[in-house]
Amino acid sequence: MRAYRVYNPNPTRTRGAIELHSFARGALWRSDVDADVAALIVASDGDHIVFALTNGRIGVIDMTSGTVVDNHILTADGVPTVGTALAVRDRSVLVGTVDGRLLLYALVTS
């Protein structure tokens, strides 16, 4: 698994990508995201990737297909923030934010 910035000659238009990569077979899938990736972690179930972006979005990707299954704006008490660190244990996701908060979420997948 890796994350990287996708080049755009216009510096005001940044995009990123999250990719599942095999050394033997190369890229297995790529999921484009609308900002740089600030944090990335594999969920405890091994089937999902949790990501945080520099534009304040947080989401979940299905590890098998690369499909984004959840993506929303991260807020703390209704105020938008940016996740800079992620930790997972079982179905819990702990998000450290740029403003020093710790937010606890439940990972709910179908």
Protein backbone atom coordinates (compact mmCIF):
# COMPACT_ATOMS: atom_id res chain seq x y z
CA MET A 1 0.00 0.00 0.00
CA ARG A 2 1.30 3.44 -0.86
CA ALA A 3 0.08 7.00 -1.24
CA TYR A 4 1.48 9.69 -3.50
CA ARG A 5 0.77 13.05 -5.11
CA VAL A 6 -0.41 13.08 -8.72
CA TYR A 7 1.43 15.75 -10.71
CA ASN A 8 -0.58 18.66 -12.09
CA PRO A 9 1.18 21.63 -13.72
CA ASN A 10 -1.33 23.94 -11.99
CA PRO A 11 -0.07 24.19 -8.36
CA THR A 12 -3.56 25.09 -7.07
CA ARG A 13 -4.97 21.73 -8.19
CA THR A 14 -3.50 19.00 -6.02
CA ARG A 15 -4.64 15.40 -6.10
CA GLY A 16 -3.38 12.26 -4.56
CA ALA A 17 -3.69 8.54 -5.04
CA ILE A 18 -3.73 5.49 -2.82
CA GLU A 19 -2.51 2.32 -4.42
CA LEU A 20 -2.21 -1.34 -3.50
CA HIS A 21 1.12 -2.37 -4.95
CA SER A 22 2.74 -5.76 -5.35
CA PHE A 23 6.48 -5.94 -5.95
CA ALA A 24 5.90 -8.96 -8.20
CA ARG A 25 2.87 -7.68 -10.18
CA GLY A 26 2.96 -3.90 -9.81
CA ALA A 27 -0.17 -1.87 -9.07
CA LEU A 28 -3.18 -4.05 -8.22
CA TRP A 29 -5.54 -1.07 -7.98
CA ARG A 30 -5.41 2.70 -7.63
CA SER A 31 -7.93 4.96 -5.93
CA ASP A 32 -7.70 8.68 -6.75
CA VAL A 33 -8.35 11.14 -3.92
CA ASP A 34 -8.86 14.90 -4.09
CA ALA A 35 -5.94 15.98 -1.86
CA ASP A 36 -2.62 14.77 -0.47
CA VAL A 37 -2.78 11.87 1.97
CA ALA A 38 -1.91 12.89 5.55
CA ALA A 39 -2.33 9.46 7.18
CA LEU A 40 -3.01 5.92 6.04
CA ILE A 41 -3.50 2.62 7.89
CA VAL A 42 -4.84 -0.88 7.28
CA ALA A 43 -7.84 -1.70 9.46
CA SER A 44 -7.65 -4.61 11.90
CA ASP A 45 -9.92 -6.72 9.68
CA GLY A 46 -7.29 -6.58 6.91
CA ASP A 47 -10.06 -5.81 4.41
CA HIS A 48 -10.11 -2.01 4.61
CA ILE A 49 -7.78 0.97 4.49
CA VAL A 50 -8.55 4.09 6.52
CA PHE A 51 -7.16 7.36 5.17
CA ALA A 52 -7.06 11.04 6.13
CA LEU A 53 -6.47 13.81 3.59
CA THR A 54 -4.94 17.27 3.95
CA ASN A 55 -8.26 18.86 2.90
CA GLY A 56 -9.97 17.50 6.03
CA ARG A 57 -11.62 14.43 4.52
CA ILE A 58 -11.45 10.97 6.09
CA GLY A 59 -12.47 7.77 4.41
CA VAL A 60 -12.36 4.01 4.04
CA ILE A 61 -11.29 1.98 1.02
CA ASP A 62 -12.17 -1.66 0.34
CA MET A 63 -8.80 -3.41 0.17
CA THR A 64 -9.93 -5.97 -2.42
CA SER A 65 -11.33 -3.62 -5.07
CA GLY A 66 -9.88 -0.20 -4.23
CA THR A 67 -13.39 1.26 -4.01
CA VAL A 68 -13.93 4.14 -1.59
CA VAL A 69 -16.76 2.91 0.67
CA ASP A 70 -16.87 5.92 3.03
CA ASN A 71 -15.64 9.49 2.61
CA HIS A 72 -16.69 12.53 4.63
CA ILE A 73 -15.40 15.77 6.15
CA LEU A 74 -13.76 15.29 9.54
CA THR A 75 -15.16 17.54 12.27
CA ALA A 76 -14.60 17.96 16.00
CA ASP A 77 -17.62 19.45 17.77
CA GLY A 78 -18.92 20.64 14.39
CA VAL A 79 -15.67 22.42 13.46
CA PRO A 80 -13.77 21.08 10.42
CA THR A 81 -10.30 19.71 11.17
CA VAL A 82 -7.57 17.63 9.55
CA GLY A 83 -6.56 14.14 10.65
CA THR A 84 -2.79 13.76 10.90
CA ALA A 85 -2.49 10.36 12.62
CA LEU A 86 -4.56 7.18 12.61
CA ALA A 87 -4.58 4.12 14.85
CA VAL A 88 -6.89 1.11 14.68
CA ARG A 89 -7.77 -1.68 17.05
CA ASP A 90 -10.58 -4.12 16.35
CA ARG A 91 -13.44 -1.92 15.05
CA SER A 92 -12.18 1.33 16.65
CA VAL A 93 -10.36 4.08 14.75
CA LEU A 94 -8.52 6.76 16.72
CA VAL A 95 -7.81 9.98 14.79
CA GLY A 96 -5.26 12.54 15.94
CA THR A 97 -6.01 15.98 14.53
CA VAL A 98 -3.93 18.97 13.54
CA ASP A 99 -5.47 20.97 16.42
CA GLY A 100 -4.42 18.40 19.04
CA ARG A 101 -7.67 16.51 19.51
CA LEU A 102 -8.19 12.77 19.62
CA LEU A 103 -11.39 11.52 17.99
CA LEU A 104 -12.66 7.97 18.41
CA TYR A 105 -14.78 6.36 15.69
CA ALA A 106 -16.25 2.93 15.08
CA LEU A 107 -15.37 1.29 11.77
CA VAL A 108 -18.69 0.18 10.30
CA THR A 109 -18.54 -1.83 7.07
CA SER A 110 -21.06 -4.03 5.34
